[in-house]
Amino acid sequence: MIWLALVLLLACSGAVSASETALFALDRQALYRFRREGPLRRRVFQLMTRPRRVLMTVLMANTAVNVTIFAVSFFAFRQFHRAPALVAAAASIVAPVAVIVFG
């Protein structure tokens, strides 16, 4: 169950990072076209009228998910070994690599 939680958290981290990239890759012309198109694109236009707010929200969400990944990974690795130093070492190596690669 804990491994499923880690997979879901990594997927959330990836989705948040992808949304940040997608939103901030839009140029002005694309954004102005969005305000006349469908409801989802109008929402993107409305969101990007305040880019600092969007950036802060995305960064806070990504930070919260990543911290949760690190905490949950510690408990996941504890299933394999009971020595706290080894568990911490394994979690501190594997979790950041997983976040960089998948999130």
N, C-alpha and C. Protein backbone atom coordinates (compact mmCIF):
# COMPACT_ATOMS: atom_id res chain seq x y z
N MET A 1 0.81 -1.20 0.00
CA MET A 1 0.00 0.00 0.00
C MET A 1 0.85 1.26 0.00
N ILE A 2 1.93 1.22 0.75
CA ILE A 2 2.80 2.40 0.84
C ILE A 2 3.49 2.65 -0.51
N TRP A 3 3.78 1.57 -1.24
CA TRP A 3 4.41 1.73 -2.54
C TRP A 3 3.45 2.35 -3.55
N LEU A 4 2.19 2.01 -3.45
CA LEU A 4 1.17 2.62 -4.29
C LEU A 4 1.07 4.12 -4.00
N ALA A 5 1.15 4.47 -2.73
CA ALA A 5 1.13 5.89 -2.35
C ALA A 5 2.31 6.62 -2.97
N LEU A 6 3.48 5.99 -2.95
CA LEU A 6 4.66 6.62 -3.56
C LEU A 6 4.49 6.81 -5.06
N VAL A 7 3.94 5.83 -5.72
CA VAL A 7 3.71 5.94 -7.17
C VAL A 7 2.73 7.08 -7.46
N LEU A 8 1.65 7.15 -6.68
CA LEU A 8 0.67 8.22 -6.88
C LEU A 8 1.27 9.60 -6.59
N LEU A 9 2.09 9.67 -5.55
CA LEU A 9 2.74 10.95 -5.24
C LEU A 9 3.71 11.37 -6.35
N LEU A 10 4.44 10.41 -6.90
CA LEU A 10 5.34 10.72 -8.02
C LEU A 10 4.55 11.18 -9.23
N ALA A 11 3.40 10.57 -9.47
CA ALA A 11 2.54 11.00 -10.59
C ALA A 11 2.03 12.42 -10.35
N CYS A 12 1.66 12.72 -9.12
CA CYS A 12 1.21 14.09 -8.79
C CYS A 12 2.34 15.09 -8.99
N SER A 13 3.53 14.74 -8.57
CA SER A 13 4.67 15.64 -8.74
C SER A 13 4.93 15.88 -10.23
N GLY A 14 4.85 14.83 -11.02
CA GLY A 14 5.04 14.97 -12.46
C GLY A 14 3.97 15.83 -13.10
N ALA A 15 2.72 15.65 -12.66
CA ALA A 15 1.62 16.45 -13.22
C ALA A 15 1.77 17.93 -12.88
N VAL A 16 2.16 18.21 -11.65
CA VAL A 16 2.35 19.61 -11.25
C VAL A 16 3.50 20.23 -12.03
N SER A 17 4.60 19.51 -12.16
CA SER A 17 5.74 20.03 -12.92
C SER A 17 5.38 20.23 -14.39
N ALA A 18 4.63 19.30 -14.96
CA ALA A 18 4.23 19.42 -16.36
C ALA A 18 3.29 20.61 -16.56
N SER A 19 2.39 20.84 -15.61
CA SER A 19 1.49 21.99 -15.75
C SER A 19 2.26 23.30 -15.66
N GLU A 20 3.26 23.35 -14.80
CA GLU A 20 4.10 24.56 -14.73
C GLU A 20 4.79 24.81 -16.06
N THR A 21 5.37 23.78 -16.62
CA THR A 21 6.05 23.92 -17.91
C THR A 21 5.09 24.34 -19.01
N ALA A 22 3.93 23.71 -19.03
CA ALA A 22 2.94 24.01 -20.08
C ALA A 22 2.43 25.44 -19.97
N LEU A 23 2.11 25.86 -18.76
CA LEU A 23 1.55 27.21 -18.58
C LEU A 23 2.56 28.30 -18.90
N PHE A 24 3.78 28.13 -18.46
CA PHE A 24 4.77 29.19 -18.65
C PHE A 24 5.49 29.12 -19.99
N ALA A 25 5.19 28.10 -20.78
CA ALA A 25 5.74 28.04 -22.14
C ALA A 25 4.86 28.78 -23.13
N LEU A 26 3.66 29.16 -22.71
CA LEU A 26 2.75 29.87 -23.62
C LEU A 26 3.23 31.30 -23.84
N ASP A 27 3.24 31.72 -25.10
CA ASP A 27 3.60 33.11 -25.39
C ASP A 27 2.34 33.99 -25.32
N ARG A 28 2.54 35.29 -25.41
CA ARG A 28 1.41 36.24 -25.29
C ARG A 28 0.35 36.01 -26.36
N GLN A 29 0.79 35.75 -27.57
CA GLN A 29 -0.18 35.55 -28.66
C GLN A 29 -1.07 34.35 -28.39
N ALA A 30 -0.49 33.28 -27.92
CA ALA A 30 -1.29 32.09 -27.61
C ALA A 30 -2.27 32.38 -26.48
N LEU A 31 -1.80 33.10 -25.48
CA LEU A 31 -2.70 33.44 -24.37
C LEU A 31 -3.87 34.30 -24.83
N TYR A 32 -3.60 35.27 -25.68
CA TYR A 32 -4.69 36.13 -26.17
C TYR A 32 -5.67 35.36 -27.06
N ARG A 33 -5.17 34.38 -27.79
CA ARG A 33 -6.08 33.52 -28.57
C ARG A 33 -6.95 32.68 -27.62
N PHE A 34 -6.38 32.29 -26.51
CA PHE A 34 -7.11 31.45 -25.56
C PHE A 34 -8.33 32.17 -24.99
N ARG A 35 -8.29 33.47 -24.87
CA ARG A 35 -9.43 34.16 -24.24
C ARG A 35 -10.68 34.11 -25.10
N ARG A 36 -10.53 33.81 -26.40
CA ARG A 36 -11.69 33.72 -27.28
C ARG A 36 -12.11 32.29 -27.58
N GLU A 37 -11.36 31.33 -27.09
CA GLU A 37 -11.64 29.93 -27.41
C GLU A 37 -12.45 29.29 -26.28
N GLY A 38 -12.45 27.97 -26.20
CA GLY A 38 -13.29 27.23 -25.26
C GLY A 38 -13.11 27.61 -23.80
N PRO A 39 -13.98 27.06 -22.94
CA PRO A 39 -13.96 27.45 -21.52
C PRO A 39 -12.66 27.08 -20.80
N LEU A 40 -12.06 25.96 -21.14
CA LEU A 40 -10.79 25.60 -20.49
C LEU A 40 -9.67 26.56 -20.88
N ARG A 41 -9.64 26.92 -22.13
CA ARG A 41 -8.60 27.84 -22.59
C ARG A 41 -8.83 29.24 -22.02
N ARG A 42 -10.09 29.63 -21.89
CA ARG A 42 -10.37 30.92 -21.24
C ARG A 42 -9.89 30.91 -19.79
N ARG A 43 -10.05 29.77 -19.13
CA ARG A 43 -9.58 29.65 -17.74
C ARG A 43 -8.07 29.77 -17.68
N VAL A 44 -7.36 29.18 -18.63
CA VAL A 44 -5.91 29.32 -18.68
C VAL A 44 -5.54 30.78 -18.86
N PHE A 45 -6.24 31.48 -19.74
CA PHE A 45 -5.98 32.91 -19.94
C PHE A 45 -6.19 33.67 -18.64
N GLN A 46 -7.29 33.38 -17.95
CA GLN A 46 -7.58 34.06 -16.68
C GLN A 46 -6.50 33.77 -15.64
N LEU A 47 -6.08 32.53 -15.56
CA LEU A 47 -5.02 32.17 -14.60
C LEU A 47 -3.72 32.92 -14.90
N MET A 48 -3.37 32.99 -16.17
CA MET A 48 -2.08 33.57 -16.53
C MET A 48 -2.09 35.10 -16.55
N THR A 49 -3.22 35.72 -16.20
CA THR A 49 -3.19 37.18 -16.01
C THR A 49 -2.47 37.52 -14.71
N ARG A 50 -2.33 36.53 -13.85
CA ARG A 50 -1.58 36.68 -12.59
C ARG A 50 -0.51 35.58 -12.52
N PRO A 51 0.54 35.70 -13.31
CA PRO A 51 1.52 34.61 -13.38
C PRO A 51 2.27 34.36 -12.07
N ARG A 52 2.50 35.40 -11.28
CA ARG A 52 3.20 35.17 -9.99
C ARG A 52 2.37 34.31 -9.06
N ARG A 53 1.08 34.57 -9.05
CA ARG A 53 0.19 33.78 -8.21
C ARG A 53 0.17 32.32 -8.66
N VAL A 54 0.11 32.11 -9.96
CA VAL A 54 0.13 30.76 -10.50
C VAL A 54 1.45 30.07 -10.15
N LEU A 55 2.55 30.77 -10.33
CA LEU A 55 3.86 30.19 -10.04
C LEU A 55 3.98 29.82 -8.57
N MET A 56 3.55 30.70 -7.69
CA MET A 56 3.62 30.41 -6.26
C MET A 56 2.76 29.20 -5.89
N THR A 57 1.59 29.11 -6.48
CA THR A 57 0.70 27.97 -6.20
C THR A 57 1.32 26.67 -6.69
N VAL A 58 1.87 26.70 -7.89
CA VAL A 58 2.49 25.50 -8.46
C VAL A 58 3.71 25.09 -7.64
N LEU A 59 4.54 26.04 -7.27
CA LEU A 59 5.75 25.72 -6.50
C LEU A 59 5.41 25.20 -5.11
N MET A 60 4.41 25.78 -4.47
CA MET A 60 4.00 25.31 -3.15
C MET A 60 3.42 23.89 -3.24
N ALA A 61 2.62 23.64 -4.25
CA ALA A 61 2.06 22.30 -4.43
C ALA A 61 3.15 21.27 -4.69
N ASN A 62 4.09 21.62 -5.55
CA ASN A 62 5.17 20.70 -5.87
C ASN A 62 6.06 20.45 -4.65
N THR A 63 6.34 21.48 -3.89
CA THR A 63 7.14 21.32 -2.68
C THR A 63 6.43 20.42 -1.67
N ALA A 64 5.13 20.64 -1.49
CA ALA A 64 4.37 19.81 -0.55
C ALA A 64 4.37 18.34 -0.98
N VAL A 65 4.17 18.09 -2.26
CA VAL A 65 4.17 16.71 -2.75
C VAL A 65 5.55 16.09 -2.60
N ASN A 66 6.60 16.82 -2.93
CA ASN A 66 7.96 16.27 -2.84
C ASN A 66 8.36 15.99 -1.39
N VAL A 67 8.01 16.85 -0.46
CA VAL A 67 8.31 16.59 0.95
C VAL A 67 7.56 15.35 1.42
N THR A 68 6.33 15.20 0.97
CA THR A 68 5.56 14.00 1.32
C THR A 68 6.20 12.76 0.74
N ILE A 69 6.72 12.86 -0.47
CA ILE A 69 7.42 11.73 -1.08
C ILE A 69 8.62 11.32 -0.23
N PHE A 70 9.39 12.29 0.23
CA PHE A 70 10.57 11.97 1.03
C PHE A 70 10.17 11.32 2.36
N ALA A 71 9.11 11.83 2.98
CA ALA A 71 8.66 11.25 4.25
C ALA A 71 8.13 9.83 4.07
N VAL A 72 7.31 9.63 3.05
CA VAL A 72 6.73 8.30 2.82
C VAL A 72 7.82 7.31 2.40
N SER A 73 8.80 7.78 1.63
CA SER A 73 9.87 6.86 1.19
C SER A 73 10.68 6.35 2.37
N PHE A 74 10.85 7.17 3.40
CA PHE A 74 11.56 6.71 4.60
C PHE A 74 10.83 5.52 5.21
N PHE A 75 9.50 5.65 5.34
CA PHE A 75 8.72 4.54 5.91
C PHE A 75 8.68 3.33 4.99
N ALA A 76 8.70 3.56 3.70
CA ALA A 76 8.71 2.45 2.75
C ALA A 76 10.01 1.65 2.86
N PHE A 77 11.11 2.35 2.98
CA PHE A 77 12.40 1.66 3.08
C PHE A 77 12.60 1.00 4.44
N ARG A 78 11.86 1.46 5.44
CA ARG A 78 11.95 0.84 6.76
C ARG A 78 11.45 -0.60 6.74
N GLN A 79 10.62 -0.94 5.77
CA GLN A 79 10.13 -2.31 5.66
C GLN A 79 11.27 -3.28 5.35
N PHE A 80 12.32 -2.79 4.70
CA PHE A 80 13.42 -3.67 4.30
C PHE A 80 14.53 -3.76 5.33
N HIS A 81 14.73 -2.69 6.07
CA HIS A 81 15.85 -2.68 7.00
C HIS A 81 15.46 -1.86 8.22
N ARG A 82 15.86 -2.31 9.37
CA ARG A 82 15.48 -1.65 10.62
C ARG A 82 16.52 -0.63 11.11
N ALA A 83 17.69 -0.60 10.54
CA ALA A 83 18.72 0.34 10.98
C ALA A 83 18.38 1.74 10.46
N PRO A 84 18.08 2.68 11.33
CA PRO A 84 17.65 4.02 10.90
C PRO A 84 18.65 4.72 9.99
N ALA A 85 19.92 4.55 10.22
CA ALA A 85 20.92 5.23 9.40
C ALA A 85 20.89 4.70 7.96
N LEU A 86 20.78 3.38 7.82
CA LEU A 86 20.72 2.81 6.47
C LEU A 86 19.43 3.17 5.77
N VAL A 87 18.33 3.19 6.50
CA VAL A 87 17.04 3.57 5.92
C VAL A 87 17.08 5.01 5.44
N ALA A 88 17.62 5.88 6.29
CA ALA A 88 17.72 7.29 5.92
C ALA A 88 18.63 7.48 4.71
N ALA A 89 19.73 6.74 4.67
CA ALA A 89 20.64 6.85 3.54
C ALA A 89 19.97 6.38 2.25
N ALA A 90 19.30 5.25 2.32
CA ALA A 90 18.62 4.74 1.11
C ALA A 90 17.53 5.68 0.66
N ALA A 91 16.72 6.16 1.59
CA ALA A 91 15.62 7.07 1.23
C ALA A 91 16.15 8.39 0.69
N SER A 92 17.26 8.87 1.25
CA SER A 92 17.80 10.15 0.80
C SER A 92 18.48 10.06 -0.56
N ILE A 93 18.79 8.86 -1.00
CA ILE A 93 19.38 8.69 -2.33
C ILE A 93 18.29 8.36 -3.36
N VAL A 94 17.44 7.42 -3.04
CA VAL A 94 16.44 6.94 -4.01
C VAL A 94 15.34 7.97 -4.24
N ALA A 95 14.82 8.58 -3.18
CA ALA A 95 13.69 9.51 -3.33
C ALA A 95 14.03 10.71 -4.22
N PRO A 96 15.15 11.41 -4.00
CA PRO A 96 15.45 12.54 -4.88
C PRO A 96 15.66 12.12 -6.34
N VAL A 97 16.28 10.98 -6.55
CA VAL A 97 16.48 10.51 -7.93
C VAL A 97 15.13 10.23 -8.58
N ALA A 98 14.22 9.61 -7.83
CA ALA A 98 12.89 9.33 -8.38
C ALA A 98 12.13 10.60 -8.68
N VAL A 99 12.26 11.60 -7.81
CA VAL A 99 11.58 12.88 -8.04
C VAL A 99 12.16 13.58 -9.28
N ILE A 100 13.47 13.53 -9.44
CA ILE A 100 14.09 14.17 -10.59
C ILE A 100 13.70 13.46 -11.90
N VAL A 101 13.68 12.15 -11.86
CA VAL A 101 13.39 11.39 -13.08
C VAL A 101 11.89 11.40 -13.42
N PHE A 102 11.04 11.19 -12.44
CA PHE A 102 9.61 11.03 -12.69
C PHE A 102 8.78 12.25 -12.35
N GLY A 103 9.27 13.11 -11.49
CA GLY A 103 8.44 14.23 -11.04
C GLY A 103 9.01 15.53 -11.47
